[in-house]
Protein backbone atom coordinates (compact mmCIF):
# COMPACT_ATOMS: atom_id res chain seq x y z
CA UNK A 1 27.43 1.37 -7.43
CA UNK A 2 25.13 -1.20 -5.88
CA UNK A 3 21.68 -2.06 -7.16
CA UNK A 4 18.41 -1.42 -5.35
CA UNK A 5 18.33 -2.16 -1.64
CA UNK A 6 16.12 -4.83 -0.08
CA UNK A 7 13.77 -2.09 1.10
CA UNK A 8 13.48 -0.69 -2.42
CA UNK A 9 12.67 -4.15 -3.75
CA UNK A 10 10.05 -4.72 -1.02
CA UNK A 11 8.43 -1.39 -1.89
CA UNK A 12 8.43 -2.33 -5.58
CA UNK A 13 6.79 -5.68 -4.81
CA UNK A 14 4.11 -4.09 -2.60
CA UNK A 15 3.21 -1.49 -5.22
CA UNK A 16 3.28 -3.98 -8.09
CA UNK A 17 1.09 -6.51 -6.27
CA UNK A 18 -1.38 -3.80 -5.25
CA UNK A 19 -1.74 -2.47 -8.78
CA UNK A 20 -1.96 -5.93 -10.34
CA UNK A 21 -4.55 -7.20 -7.85
CA UNK A 22 -6.56 -4.03 -8.30
CA UNK A 23 -6.38 -4.37 -12.08
CA UNK A 24 -7.57 -7.98 -11.92
CA UNK A 25 -10.54 -6.98 -9.76
CA UNK A 26 -11.41 -4.06 -12.03
CA UNK A 27 -11.19 -6.14 -15.19
CA UNK A 28 -13.23 -8.94 -13.63
CA UNK A 29 -15.82 -6.42 -12.48
CA UNK A 30 -16.07 -4.97 -15.97
CA UNK A 31 -16.19 -8.35 -17.69
CA UNK A 32 -18.76 -9.82 -15.31
CA UNK A 33 -20.75 -6.65 -14.75
CA UNK A 34 -20.24 -6.92 -10.97
CA UNK A 35 -20.14 -3.55 -9.24
CA UNK A 36 -18.79 -5.00 -5.99
CA UNK A 37 -15.67 -6.21 -7.80
CA UNK A 38 -15.23 -2.76 -9.30
CA UNK A 39 -15.65 -1.20 -5.87
CA UNK A 40 -13.07 -3.52 -4.28
CA UNK A 41 -10.67 -2.89 -7.15
CA UNK A 42 -10.87 0.85 -6.54
CA UNK A 43 -10.51 0.41 -2.77
CA UNK A 44 -7.47 -1.81 -3.25
CA UNK A 45 -5.94 0.71 -5.62
CA UNK A 46 -6.45 3.44 -3.02
CA UNK A 47 -4.91 1.27 -0.28
CA UNK A 48 -1.80 0.47 -2.32
CA UNK A 49 0.08 3.64 -1.20
CA UNK A 50 -0.84 2.79 2.40
CA UNK A 51 0.77 -0.61 1.92
CA UNK A 52 3.87 1.20 0.70
CA UNK A 53 4.02 3.22 3.91
CA UNK A 54 3.63 0.01 5.95
CA UNK A 55 6.55 -1.58 4.08
CA UNK A 56 8.69 1.55 4.43
CA UNK A 57 7.94 1.81 8.16
CA UNK A 58 8.84 -1.83 8.80
CA UNK A 59 11.96 -1.51 6.65
CA UNK A 60 13.15 1.60 8.45
CA UNK A 61 12.75 -0.04 11.84
CA UNK A 62 14.51 -3.19 10.61
CA UNK A 63 17.38 -1.00 9.43
CA UNK A 64 17.36 0.65 12.88
CA UNK A 65 16.68 4.07 11.41
CA UNK A 66 14.69 5.18 14.44
CA UNK A 67 14.09 8.82 13.53
CA UNK A 68 12.69 8.17 10.07
CA UNK A 69 10.92 5.05 11.35
CA UNK A 70 9.05 7.13 13.92
CA UNK A 71 8.19 9.75 11.31
CA UNK A 72 6.93 7.03 9.00
CA UNK A 73 4.95 5.51 11.87
CA UNK A 74 3.37 8.91 12.51
CA UNK A 75 2.39 9.16 8.83
CA UNK A 76 0.94 5.66 9.01
CA UNK A 77 -1.12 6.73 12.02
CA UNK A 78 -2.45 9.75 10.15
CA UNK A 79 -3.36 7.56 7.16
CA UNK A 80 -4.98 4.99 9.44
CA UNK A 81 -7.04 7.58 11.28
CA UNK A 82 -8.24 9.10 8.01
CA UNK A 83 -9.25 5.64 6.76
CA UNK A 84 -11.02 4.98 10.05
CA UNK A 85 -12.97 8.23 9.70
CA UNK A 86 -13.79 7.50 6.05
CA UNK A 87 -15.27 4.09 6.81
CA UNK A 88 -16.93 4.96 10.14
C-alpha cells in the first residue's frame, strides 16, 4: 500500500503550520503580556480549518475531481460568508 498522497501531505502541512504559528503568537502574547498577540493567535487558530478547506479545494481541482471540488468550493463559500458576517 502506498503512503500518504500529496494532498494528504499538503493538508498536514497547512494544519501543522497553522497550529504552530498560533501557538507561537499565544505564547508570545502570554510572555509579553500583549493582548493583541493573544487575539491574533486565537484568530489564526480559528482560521486553520479554513486553510485546510482551501488546500483540499485546490487539491481536488488539481486532481480533476470536479464534483468534490465544487462541493468543497461551496463549503469554502459558506465559511467565507460566515467570516465576512463575523467581521463586518
